[in-house]
Amino acid sequence: MGDLVWIFISTLLINNFVLAYFLGICPFLGVTQRLDTAFRLGLATIFVMFITSICVWILNNYILVYAPYLNLITYIVVIASTVQFVEMVIRKVSPTLFRALGIFLPLITTNCAILALAIFTTNKGYGLIEGLVYALGSGMGFTLAMVLMAGLREETTLAPVPSLVKGTAMNLIIAGILSMAFMGFAGLFSAG
């Protein structure tokens, strides 16, 4: 149980896909203009990561044992299929959210964080339970980064920011400061 807690905490805070590995930067910078949109895309990403983790475990244990050279292409097919399913559900359930997410919803397919999840899970040799905890922690870490960035971006629209750093420059400064803040978690947990 201690290992599962460590996997979860590690992927949520210390090895955050966005703020430590810089994976998933496109949606991180593109969808974080509004807090609700960022949160919902984060939830969709958690779902895709969770399903991807299950599929990767099945593939690694029952199919790719016989053809390991096909792992990358099979991971891409699984991710693309899952994202298409999520896109259809969101379009049916919430057309407003579908329009708000725009191009970034299909971009979950090419989100390198999800592909990295599949590769990291395989390389670390995680079983089903460890893989699911890893997917949940990394998905929640991705969502946490998205929500923090969206909240800070909404605040900067209300703050008197010099015109020199408005827009992209301010977003990159915020992303850098968030990344440095999350680096502090590594020291916190290694000391304890």
N, C-alpha and C. Protein backbone atom coordinates (compact mmCIF):
# COMPACT_ATOMS: atom_id res chain seq x y z
N MET A 1 0.83 -1.20 0.00
CA MET A 1 0.00 0.00 0.00
C MET A 1 0.86 1.26 0.00
N GLY A 2 2.00 1.19 0.70
CA GLY A 2 2.90 2.33 0.76
C GLY A 2 3.46 2.68 -0.61
N ASP A 3 3.72 1.65 -1.43
CA ASP A 3 4.23 1.90 -2.77
C ASP A 3 3.18 2.60 -3.63
N LEU A 4 1.93 2.22 -3.47
CA LEU A 4 0.87 2.87 -4.26
C LEU A 4 0.71 4.34 -3.88
N VAL A 5 0.81 4.61 -2.59
CA VAL A 5 0.72 6.00 -2.13
C VAL A 5 1.89 6.80 -2.69
N TRP A 6 3.08 6.20 -2.66
CA TRP A 6 4.25 6.90 -3.19
C TRP A 6 4.12 7.14 -4.70
N ILE A 7 3.62 6.15 -5.44
CA ILE A 7 3.42 6.33 -6.88
C ILE A 7 2.46 7.49 -7.12
N PHE A 8 1.37 7.52 -6.37
CA PHE A 8 0.37 8.57 -6.54
C PHE A 8 0.94 9.95 -6.22
N ILE A 9 1.56 10.10 -5.05
CA ILE A 9 2.13 11.40 -4.63
C ILE A 9 3.23 11.84 -5.60
N SER A 10 4.04 10.89 -6.01
CA SER A 10 5.14 11.20 -6.91
C SER A 10 4.65 11.76 -8.24
N THR A 11 3.64 11.10 -8.82
CA THR A 11 3.16 11.59 -10.13
C THR A 11 2.29 12.83 -9.99
N LEU A 12 1.64 12.99 -8.86
CA LEU A 12 0.79 14.16 -8.65
C LEU A 12 1.62 15.42 -8.44
N LEU A 13 2.65 15.34 -7.62
CA LEU A 13 3.39 16.53 -7.23
C LEU A 13 4.84 16.56 -7.72
N ILE A 14 5.60 15.54 -7.37
CA ILE A 14 7.05 15.58 -7.61
C ILE A 14 7.38 15.43 -9.09
N ASN A 15 6.84 14.41 -9.72
CA ASN A 15 7.11 14.14 -11.14
C ASN A 15 5.89 14.51 -11.98
N ASN A 16 5.34 15.66 -11.73
CA ASN A 16 4.18 16.16 -12.45
C ASN A 16 4.52 16.23 -13.94
N PHE A 17 3.66 15.62 -14.76
CA PHE A 17 3.95 15.54 -16.19
C PHE A 17 4.13 16.92 -16.82
N VAL A 18 3.35 17.89 -16.42
CA VAL A 18 3.42 19.21 -17.03
C VAL A 18 4.55 20.04 -16.44
N LEU A 19 4.63 20.09 -15.12
CA LEU A 19 5.53 21.02 -14.47
C LEU A 19 6.93 20.45 -14.19
N ALA A 20 7.11 19.15 -14.30
CA ALA A 20 8.44 18.57 -14.12
C ALA A 20 9.01 18.03 -15.43
N TYR A 21 8.16 17.36 -16.21
CA TYR A 21 8.62 16.77 -17.47
C TYR A 21 8.29 17.64 -18.69
N PHE A 22 7.48 18.66 -18.50
CA PHE A 22 7.05 19.56 -19.58
C PHE A 22 6.35 18.81 -20.71
N LEU A 23 5.50 17.88 -20.34
CA LEU A 23 4.67 17.14 -21.29
C LEU A 23 3.26 17.71 -21.23
N GLY A 24 2.60 17.81 -22.35
CA GLY A 24 1.25 18.35 -22.38
C GLY A 24 1.22 19.86 -22.31
N ILE A 25 2.23 20.50 -22.84
CA ILE A 25 2.33 21.96 -22.78
C ILE A 25 1.28 22.64 -23.68
N CYS A 26 0.93 22.02 -24.81
CA CYS A 26 -0.06 22.65 -25.71
C CYS A 26 -1.39 22.93 -25.01
N PRO A 27 -2.03 21.91 -24.40
CA PRO A 27 -3.26 22.25 -23.68
C PRO A 27 -3.01 23.09 -22.44
N PHE A 28 -1.85 22.93 -21.82
CA PHE A 28 -1.51 23.70 -20.62
C PHE A 28 -1.51 25.20 -20.93
N LEU A 29 -0.96 25.58 -22.04
CA LEU A 29 -0.93 27.00 -22.40
C LEU A 29 -2.15 27.42 -23.22
N GLY A 30 -2.79 26.48 -23.90
CA GLY A 30 -3.87 26.85 -24.80
C GLY A 30 -5.26 26.85 -24.19
N VAL A 31 -5.52 25.96 -23.24
CA VAL A 31 -6.88 25.80 -22.71
C VAL A 31 -7.05 26.47 -21.36
N THR A 32 -6.02 27.04 -20.82
CA THR A 32 -6.09 27.55 -19.45
C THR A 32 -6.51 29.01 -19.36
N GLN A 33 -7.31 29.47 -20.31
CA GLN A 33 -7.79 30.85 -20.21
C GLN A 33 -8.96 30.97 -19.24
N ARG A 34 -9.73 29.87 -19.12
CA ARG A 34 -10.87 29.86 -18.19
C ARG A 34 -10.76 28.64 -17.29
N LEU A 35 -11.07 28.85 -16.03
CA LEU A 35 -10.92 27.81 -15.03
C LEU A 35 -11.82 26.60 -15.31
N ASP A 36 -13.07 26.83 -15.65
CA ASP A 36 -13.99 25.71 -15.86
C ASP A 36 -13.58 24.87 -17.07
N THR A 37 -13.12 25.50 -18.13
CA THR A 37 -12.69 24.77 -19.32
C THR A 37 -11.44 23.94 -19.01
N ALA A 38 -10.51 24.53 -18.29
CA ALA A 38 -9.28 23.81 -17.93
C ALA A 38 -9.61 22.60 -17.06
N PHE A 39 -10.51 22.77 -16.11
CA PHE A 39 -10.89 21.67 -15.22
C PHE A 39 -11.55 20.54 -16.01
N ARG A 40 -12.44 20.88 -16.90
CA ARG A 40 -13.14 19.85 -17.67
C ARG A 40 -12.20 19.11 -18.63
N LEU A 41 -11.28 19.84 -19.24
CA LEU A 41 -10.31 19.15 -20.10
C LEU A 41 -9.41 18.26 -19.24
N GLY A 42 -9.10 18.70 -18.03
CA GLY A 42 -8.33 17.86 -17.12
C GLY A 42 -9.07 16.58 -16.78
N LEU A 43 -10.37 16.67 -16.54
CA LEU A 43 -11.16 15.47 -16.27
C LEU A 43 -11.19 14.53 -17.46
N ALA A 44 -11.34 15.08 -18.66
CA ALA A 44 -11.31 14.25 -19.87
C ALA A 44 -9.96 13.57 -20.02
N THR A 45 -8.89 14.29 -19.69
CA THR A 45 -7.54 13.72 -19.78
C THR A 45 -7.35 12.62 -18.74
N ILE A 46 -7.87 12.80 -17.54
CA ILE A 46 -7.80 11.75 -16.52
C ILE A 46 -8.48 10.49 -17.03
N PHE A 47 -9.66 10.64 -17.62
CA PHE A 47 -10.39 9.49 -18.13
C PHE A 47 -9.59 8.78 -19.22
N VAL A 48 -9.03 9.55 -20.16
CA VAL A 48 -8.26 8.95 -21.24
C VAL A 48 -7.01 8.26 -20.68
N MET A 49 -6.35 8.86 -19.70
CA MET A 49 -5.17 8.24 -19.09
C MET A 49 -5.54 6.94 -18.38
N PHE A 50 -6.67 6.95 -17.70
CA PHE A 50 -7.12 5.76 -16.97
C PHE A 50 -7.39 4.61 -17.94
N ILE A 51 -8.15 4.88 -19.00
CA ILE A 51 -8.45 3.85 -20.00
C ILE A 51 -7.18 3.40 -20.70
N THR A 52 -6.30 4.34 -21.01
CA THR A 52 -5.03 4.01 -21.66
C THR A 52 -4.21 3.07 -20.78
N SER A 53 -4.20 3.33 -19.49
CA SER A 53 -3.44 2.49 -18.57
C SER A 53 -3.96 1.05 -18.57
N ILE A 54 -5.26 0.89 -18.56
CA ILE A 54 -5.85 -0.45 -18.61
C ILE A 54 -5.48 -1.15 -19.92
N CYS A 55 -5.63 -0.43 -21.02
CA CYS A 55 -5.33 -1.01 -22.34
C CYS A 55 -3.86 -1.35 -22.49
N VAL A 56 -2.99 -0.50 -21.96
CA VAL A 56 -1.55 -0.76 -22.05
C VAL A 56 -1.20 -2.02 -21.26
N TRP A 57 -1.80 -2.20 -20.10
CA TRP A 57 -1.54 -3.40 -19.32
C TRP A 57 -1.98 -4.64 -20.10
N ILE A 58 -3.17 -4.58 -20.69
CA ILE A 58 -3.67 -5.72 -21.47
C ILE A 58 -2.75 -5.98 -22.66
N LEU A 59 -2.38 -4.93 -23.37
CA LEU A 59 -1.49 -5.08 -24.52
C LEU A 59 -0.14 -5.67 -24.11
N ASN A 60 0.45 -5.14 -23.04
CA ASN A 60 1.77 -5.60 -22.62
C ASN A 60 1.77 -7.05 -22.15
N ASN A 61 0.66 -7.49 -21.55
CA ASN A 61 0.63 -8.84 -20.99
C ASN A 61 0.09 -9.91 -21.93
N TYR A 62 -0.70 -9.52 -22.93
CA TYR A 62 -1.33 -10.53 -23.76
C TYR A 62 -1.03 -10.42 -25.26
N ILE A 63 -0.66 -9.25 -25.73
CA ILE A 63 -0.46 -9.09 -27.17
C ILE A 63 0.98 -8.76 -27.52
N LEU A 64 1.54 -7.76 -26.86
CA LEU A 64 2.87 -7.29 -27.21
C LEU A 64 3.99 -8.24 -26.76
N VAL A 65 3.63 -9.26 -26.01
CA VAL A 65 4.61 -10.28 -25.64
C VAL A 65 5.11 -10.96 -26.91
N TYR A 66 4.23 -11.09 -27.89
CA TYR A 66 4.56 -11.78 -29.14
C TYR A 66 5.09 -10.83 -30.21
N ALA A 67 4.84 -9.55 -30.07
CA ALA A 67 5.30 -8.57 -31.07
C ALA A 67 5.66 -7.26 -30.37
N PRO A 68 6.73 -7.24 -29.58
CA PRO A 68 7.06 -6.04 -28.81
C PRO A 68 7.42 -4.83 -29.67
N TYR A 69 7.79 -5.05 -30.90
CA TYR A 69 8.13 -3.95 -31.79
C TYR A 69 6.91 -3.12 -32.19
N LEU A 70 5.71 -3.60 -31.88
CA LEU A 70 4.49 -2.87 -32.22
C LEU A 70 3.96 -2.02 -31.08
N ASN A 71 4.71 -1.91 -29.97
CA ASN A 71 4.14 -1.24 -28.80
C ASN A 71 3.78 0.21 -29.06
N LEU A 72 4.63 0.98 -29.70
CA LEU A 72 4.35 2.40 -29.90
C LEU A 72 3.11 2.61 -30.77
N ILE A 73 3.00 1.89 -31.85
CA ILE A 73 1.85 2.07 -32.74
C ILE A 73 0.56 1.61 -32.07
N THR A 74 0.62 0.54 -31.27
CA THR A 74 -0.60 0.10 -30.59
C THR A 74 -1.02 1.10 -29.52
N TYR A 75 -0.05 1.72 -28.84
CA TYR A 75 -0.39 2.74 -27.85
C TYR A 75 -1.08 3.92 -28.53
N ILE A 76 -0.58 4.33 -29.66
CA ILE A 76 -1.18 5.46 -30.39
C ILE A 76 -2.60 5.13 -30.83
N VAL A 77 -2.82 3.91 -31.30
CA VAL A 77 -4.17 3.50 -31.73
C VAL A 77 -5.13 3.51 -30.54
N VAL A 78 -4.69 3.00 -29.39
CA VAL A 78 -5.55 2.97 -28.19
C VAL A 78 -5.89 4.39 -27.76
N ILE A 79 -4.89 5.27 -27.73
CA ILE A 79 -5.13 6.65 -27.30
C ILE A 79 -6.07 7.36 -28.26
N ALA A 80 -5.84 7.22 -29.55
CA ALA A 80 -6.70 7.88 -30.54
C ALA A 80 -8.14 7.37 -30.45
N SER A 81 -8.31 6.07 -30.25
CA SER A 81 -9.67 5.51 -30.13
C SER A 81 -10.37 6.03 -28.88
N THR A 82 -9.66 6.07 -27.77
CA THR A 82 -10.25 6.55 -26.53
C THR A 82 -10.65 8.01 -26.64
N VAL A 83 -9.80 8.82 -27.25
CA VAL A 83 -10.10 10.24 -27.40
C VAL A 83 -11.31 10.44 -28.30
N GLN A 84 -11.42 9.65 -29.36
CA GLN A 84 -12.60 9.76 -30.23
C GLN A 84 -13.87 9.44 -29.46
N PHE A 85 -13.81 8.43 -28.60
CA PHE A 85 -14.96 8.09 -27.77
C PHE A 85 -15.31 9.24 -26.83
N VAL A 86 -14.31 9.81 -26.16
CA VAL A 86 -14.53 10.93 -25.25
C VAL A 86 -15.11 12.12 -26.01
N GLU A 87 -14.59 12.39 -27.19
CA GLU A 87 -15.09 13.51 -28.00
C GLU A 87 -16.56 13.32 -28.36
N MET A 88 -16.94 12.10 -28.74
CA MET A 88 -18.34 11.84 -29.07
C MET A 88 -19.25 12.01 -27.85
N VAL A 89 -18.80 11.55 -26.69
CA VAL A 89 -19.61 11.67 -25.47
C VAL A 89 -19.77 13.14 -25.10
N ILE A 90 -18.68 13.91 -25.12
CA ILE A 90 -18.76 15.32 -24.75
C ILE A 90 -19.64 16.09 -25.74
N ARG A 91 -19.53 15.78 -27.02
CA ARG A 91 -20.36 16.45 -28.02
C ARG A 91 -21.84 16.19 -27.75
N LYS A 92 -22.17 14.96 -27.33
CA LYS A 92 -23.56 14.60 -27.07
C LYS A 92 -24.06 15.17 -25.74
N VAL A 93 -23.24 15.07 -24.68
CA VAL A 93 -23.65 15.46 -23.34
C VAL A 93 -23.59 16.97 -23.13
N SER A 94 -22.53 17.61 -23.60
CA SER A 94 -22.35 19.04 -23.37
C SER A 94 -21.81 19.74 -24.61
N PRO A 95 -22.69 20.13 -25.52
CA PRO A 95 -22.24 20.83 -26.72
C PRO A 95 -21.51 22.14 -26.42
N THR A 96 -21.87 22.79 -25.32
CA THR A 96 -21.21 24.03 -24.94
C THR A 96 -19.74 23.77 -24.59
N LEU A 97 -19.51 22.74 -23.79
CA LEU A 97 -18.13 22.37 -23.46
C LEU A 97 -17.38 21.94 -24.71
N PHE A 98 -18.04 21.22 -25.59
CA PHE A 98 -17.40 20.77 -26.83
C PHE A 98 -16.92 21.98 -27.64
N ARG A 99 -17.75 23.02 -27.74
CA ARG A 99 -17.35 24.23 -28.47
C ARG A 99 -16.27 24.99 -27.72
N ALA A 100 -16.34 25.01 -26.39
CA ALA A 100 -15.34 25.74 -25.59
C ALA A 100 -13.96 25.09 -25.71
N LEU A 101 -13.93 23.76 -25.76
CA LEU A 101 -12.64 23.08 -25.87
C LEU A 101 -12.06 23.20 -27.27
N GLY A 102 -12.94 23.30 -28.25
CA GLY A 102 -12.49 23.51 -29.62
C GLY A 102 -11.50 22.47 -30.09
N ILE A 103 -10.42 22.93 -30.67
CA ILE A 103 -9.40 22.05 -31.24
C ILE A 103 -8.62 21.29 -30.17
N PHE A 104 -8.68 21.74 -28.93
CA PHE A 104 -7.86 21.12 -27.89
C PHE A 104 -8.40 19.77 -27.46
N LEU A 105 -9.67 19.49 -27.69
CA LEU A 105 -10.20 18.17 -27.36
C LEU A 105 -9.60 17.10 -28.26
N PRO A 106 -9.60 17.27 -29.59
CA PRO A 106 -8.91 16.26 -30.41
C PRO A 106 -7.41 16.23 -30.17
N LEU A 107 -6.86 17.33 -29.67
CA LEU A 107 -5.41 17.36 -29.41
C LEU A 107 -5.02 16.48 -28.23
N ILE A 108 -6.00 15.98 -27.45
CA ILE A 108 -5.66 15.01 -26.41
C ILE A 108 -5.01 13.80 -27.08
N THR A 109 -5.43 13.52 -28.32
CA THR A 109 -4.86 12.39 -29.05
C THR A 109 -3.36 12.53 -29.18
N THR A 110 -2.91 13.73 -29.47
CA THR A 110 -1.48 13.95 -29.66
C THR A 110 -0.81 14.49 -28.40
N ASN A 111 -1.52 14.48 -27.29
CA ASN A 111 -0.95 14.96 -26.03
C ASN A 111 0.17 14.00 -25.62
N CYS A 112 1.36 14.50 -25.62
CA CYS A 112 2.51 13.65 -25.32
C CYS A 112 2.47 13.12 -23.90
N ALA A 113 1.72 13.75 -23.02
CA ALA A 113 1.62 13.26 -21.64
C ALA A 113 0.94 11.89 -21.61
N ILE A 114 -0.03 11.68 -22.46
CA ILE A 114 -0.75 10.41 -22.47
C ILE A 114 0.13 9.31 -23.08
N LEU A 115 0.83 9.64 -24.15
CA LEU A 115 1.75 8.66 -24.72
C LEU A 115 2.89 8.37 -23.74
N ALA A 116 3.36 9.39 -23.04
CA ALA A 116 4.41 9.18 -22.04
C ALA A 116 3.91 8.28 -20.92
N LEU A 117 2.64 8.42 -20.54
CA LEU A 117 2.07 7.54 -19.53
C LEU A 117 2.20 6.09 -19.95
N ALA A 118 1.83 5.80 -21.19
CA ALA A 118 1.92 4.42 -21.69
C ALA A 118 3.36 3.93 -21.70
N ILE A 119 4.28 4.76 -22.15
CA ILE A 119 5.68 4.36 -22.23
C ILE A 119 6.29 4.22 -20.83
N PHE A 120 6.02 5.19 -19.94
CA PHE A 120 6.57 5.14 -18.58
C PHE A 120 6.04 3.93 -17.82
N THR A 121 4.74 3.65 -17.97
CA THR A 121 4.15 2.50 -17.29
C THR A 121 4.82 1.21 -17.74
N THR A 122 5.07 1.12 -19.03
CA THR A 122 5.73 -0.07 -19.57
C THR A 122 7.17 -0.16 -19.09
N ASN A 123 7.90 0.94 -19.17
CA ASN A 123 9.30 0.94 -18.78
C ASN A 123 9.50 0.68 -17.29
N LYS A 124 8.58 1.13 -16.47
CA LYS A 124 8.69 0.92 -15.02
C LYS A 124 8.22 -0.47 -14.61
N GLY A 125 7.60 -1.20 -15.55
CA GLY A 125 7.14 -2.56 -15.25
C GLY A 125 5.97 -2.62 -14.29
N TYR A 126 5.11 -1.61 -14.32
CA TYR A 126 3.97 -1.58 -13.42
C TYR A 126 2.94 -2.63 -13.81
N GLY A 127 2.33 -3.21 -12.80
CA GLY A 127 1.20 -4.09 -13.01
C GLY A 127 -0.07 -3.27 -13.18
N LEU A 128 -1.21 -3.94 -13.17
CA LEU A 128 -2.48 -3.25 -13.41
C LEU A 128 -2.77 -2.21 -12.33
N ILE A 129 -2.67 -2.58 -11.08
CA ILE A 129 -3.01 -1.66 -9.99
C ILE A 129 -2.03 -0.48 -9.96
N GLU A 130 -0.73 -0.78 -10.05
CA GLU A 130 0.26 0.31 -10.06
C GLU A 130 0.04 1.23 -11.26
N GLY A 131 -0.28 0.64 -12.41
CA GLY A 131 -0.53 1.45 -13.61
C GLY A 131 -1.75 2.35 -13.46
N LEU A 132 -2.79 1.84 -12.82
CA LEU A 132 -3.99 2.65 -12.60
C LEU A 132 -3.72 3.79 -11.62
N VAL A 133 -2.96 3.50 -10.57
CA VAL A 133 -2.60 4.55 -9.61
C VAL A 133 -1.70 5.59 -10.28
N TYR A 134 -0.78 5.12 -11.12
CA TYR A 134 0.10 6.02 -11.86
C TYR A 134 -0.71 6.91 -12.81
N ALA A 135 -1.69 6.31 -13.49
CA ALA A 135 -2.55 7.07 -14.40
C ALA A 135 -3.39 8.08 -13.64
N LEU A 136 -3.95 7.67 -12.51
CA LEU A 136 -4.77 8.58 -11.71
C LEU A 136 -3.92 9.74 -11.16
N GLY A 137 -2.74 9.44 -10.64
CA GLY A 137 -1.87 10.48 -10.11
C GLY A 137 -1.39 11.43 -11.19
N SER A 138 -1.00 10.89 -12.34
CA SER A 138 -0.52 11.77 -13.40
C SER A 138 -1.66 12.58 -14.01
N GLY A 139 -2.84 11.98 -14.12
CA GLY A 139 -3.99 12.72 -14.63
C GLY A 139 -4.42 13.82 -13.68
N MET A 140 -4.42 13.51 -12.39
CA MET A 140 -4.78 14.54 -11.41
C MET A 140 -3.69 15.62 -11.33
N GLY A 141 -2.43 15.23 -11.51
CA GLY A 141 -1.36 16.21 -11.56
C GLY A 141 -1.48 17.12 -12.77
N PHE A 142 -1.87 16.53 -13.90
CA PHE A 142 -2.11 17.31 -15.11
C PHE A 142 -3.25 18.30 -14.88
N THR A 143 -4.33 17.81 -14.28
CA THR A 143 -5.48 18.67 -14.00
C THR A 143 -5.12 19.75 -12.99
N LEU A 144 -4.35 19.41 -11.97
CA LEU A 144 -3.91 20.39 -10.99
C LEU A 144 -3.11 21.50 -11.65
N ALA A 145 -2.19 21.13 -12.52
CA ALA A 145 -1.38 22.14 -13.23
C ALA A 145 -2.27 23.02 -14.11
N MET A 146 -3.23 22.41 -14.78
CA MET A 146 -4.14 23.17 -15.66
C MET A 146 -4.98 24.15 -14.83
N VAL A 147 -5.52 23.68 -13.72
CA VAL A 147 -6.38 24.53 -12.89
C VAL A 147 -5.57 25.65 -12.25
N LEU A 148 -4.38 25.35 -11.75
CA LEU A 148 -3.54 26.40 -11.18
C LEU A 148 -3.21 27.47 -12.23
N MET A 149 -2.84 27.02 -13.41
CA MET A 149 -2.49 27.97 -14.47
C MET A 149 -3.72 28.80 -14.87
N ALA A 150 -4.86 28.16 -14.99
CA ALA A 150 -6.08 28.89 -15.36
C ALA A 150 -6.46 29.92 -14.30
N GLY A 151 -6.36 29.52 -13.03
CA GLY A 151 -6.68 30.46 -11.96
C GLY A 151 -5.75 31.66 -11.95
N LEU A 152 -4.47 31.41 -12.14
CA LEU A 152 -3.51 32.51 -12.17
C LEU A 152 -3.70 33.40 -13.41
N ARG A 153 -4.04 32.78 -14.53
CA ARG A 153 -4.28 33.58 -15.74
C ARG A 153 -5.52 34.45 -15.58
N GLU A 154 -6.55 33.91 -14.94
CA GLU A 154 -7.75 34.72 -14.70
C GLU A 154 -7.44 35.88 -13.78
N GLU A 155 -6.60 35.64 -12.78
CA GLU A 155 -6.22 36.72 -11.86
C GLU A 155 -5.41 37.80 -12.56
N THR A 156 -4.53 37.41 -13.48
CA THR A 156 -3.70 38.41 -14.15
C THR A 156 -4.51 39.28 -15.11
N THR A 157 -5.67 38.79 -15.56
CA THR A 157 -6.51 39.64 -16.40
C THR A 157 -7.11 40.78 -15.60
N LEU A 158 -7.24 40.58 -14.29
CA LEU A 158 -7.81 41.61 -13.42
C LEU A 158 -6.74 42.50 -12.79
N ALA A 159 -5.51 42.04 -12.80
CA ALA A 159 -4.42 42.78 -12.15
C ALA A 159 -3.81 43.81 -13.12
N PRO A 160 -3.26 44.87 -12.57
CA PRO A 160 -2.60 45.87 -13.43
C PRO A 160 -1.21 45.36 -13.86
N VAL A 161 -1.18 44.62 -14.95
CA VAL A 161 0.05 44.04 -15.47
C VAL A 161 0.62 44.97 -16.54
N PRO A 162 1.92 45.24 -16.50
CA PRO A 162 2.52 46.09 -17.54
C PRO A 162 2.30 45.48 -18.93
N SER A 163 2.05 46.32 -19.90
CA SER A 163 1.73 45.84 -21.25
C SER A 163 2.89 45.06 -21.86
N LEU A 164 4.10 45.29 -21.40
CA LEU A 164 5.28 44.59 -21.91
C LEU A 164 5.20 43.08 -21.68
N VAL A 165 4.61 42.67 -20.55
CA VAL A 165 4.57 41.24 -20.22
C VAL A 165 3.18 40.63 -20.34
N LYS A 166 2.22 41.34 -20.86
CA LYS A 166 0.88 40.77 -21.02
C LYS A 166 0.91 39.68 -22.08
N GLY A 167 0.00 38.74 -21.93
CA GLY A 167 -0.15 37.70 -22.94
C GLY A 167 0.82 36.55 -22.75
N THR A 168 1.46 36.15 -23.84
CA THR A 168 2.32 34.97 -23.84
C THR A 168 3.47 35.10 -22.85
N ALA A 169 4.09 36.27 -22.78
CA ALA A 169 5.22 36.44 -21.85
C ALA A 169 4.78 36.18 -20.41
N MET A 170 3.64 36.72 -20.02
CA MET A 170 3.13 36.52 -18.66
C MET A 170 2.81 35.04 -18.42
N ASN A 171 2.22 34.38 -19.41
CA ASN A 171 1.90 32.97 -19.26
C ASN A 171 3.15 32.12 -19.07
N LEU A 172 4.20 32.42 -19.81
CA LEU A 172 5.44 31.67 -19.66
C LEU A 172 6.12 31.95 -18.32
N ILE A 173 6.02 33.17 -17.86
CA ILE A 173 6.57 33.50 -16.53
C ILE A 173 5.81 32.73 -15.45
N ILE A 174 4.50 32.70 -15.54
CA ILE A 174 3.68 31.96 -14.57
C ILE A 174 4.02 30.48 -14.63
N ALA A 175 4.14 29.93 -15.83
CA ALA A 175 4.47 28.50 -15.98
C ALA A 175 5.83 28.20 -15.36
N GLY A 176 6.80 29.07 -15.55
CA GLY A 176 8.12 28.86 -14.96
C GLY A 176 8.10 28.91 -13.45
N ILE A 177 7.35 29.85 -12.90
CA ILE A 177 7.26 29.96 -11.43
C ILE A 177 6.53 28.75 -10.85
N LEU A 178 5.46 28.29 -11.52
CA LEU A 178 4.77 27.08 -11.07
C LEU A 178 5.71 25.88 -11.10
N SER A 179 6.48 25.77 -12.15
CA SER A 179 7.42 24.66 -12.28
C SER A 179 8.45 24.68 -11.15
N MET A 180 8.98 25.85 -10.86
CA MET A 180 9.95 25.96 -9.76
C MET A 180 9.30 25.64 -8.42
N ALA A 181 8.06 26.05 -8.24
CA ALA A 181 7.36 25.75 -6.99
C ALA A 181 7.18 24.25 -6.81
N PHE A 182 6.85 23.56 -7.89
CA PHE A 182 6.66 22.11 -7.79
C PHE A 182 7.98 21.38 -7.60
N MET A 183 9.08 21.98 -8.02
CA MET A 183 10.39 21.36 -7.78
C MET A 183 10.67 21.27 -6.29
N GLY A 184 10.09 22.14 -5.51
CA GLY A 184 10.27 22.11 -4.06
C GLY A 184 9.69 20.87 -3.41
N PHE A 185 8.70 20.24 -4.05
CA PHE A 185 8.11 19.02 -3.48
C PHE A 185 9.13 17.88 -3.45
N ALA A 186 10.06 17.87 -4.39
CA ALA A 186 11.07 16.82 -4.42
C ALA A 186 11.91 16.86 -3.15
N GLY A 187 12.31 18.04 -2.72
CA GLY A 187 13.08 18.18 -1.49
C GLY A 187 12.28 17.86 -0.26
N LEU A 188 11.02 18.22 -0.29
CA LEU A 188 10.14 17.97 0.86
C LEU A 188 9.98 16.48 1.13
N PHE A 189 9.76 15.71 0.07
CA PHE A 189 9.51 14.29 0.27
C PHE A 189 10.78 13.47 0.40
N SER A 190 11.90 13.96 -0.15
CA SER A 190 13.14 13.20 0.02
C SER A 190 13.71 13.39 1.42
N ALA A 191 13.42 14.53 2.04
CA ALA A 191 13.93 14.79 3.39
C ALA A 191 13.14 14.00 4.44
N GLY A 192 11.84 13.74 4.16
CA GLY A 192 10.98 13.06 5.13
C GLY A 192 11.13 11.62 5.02
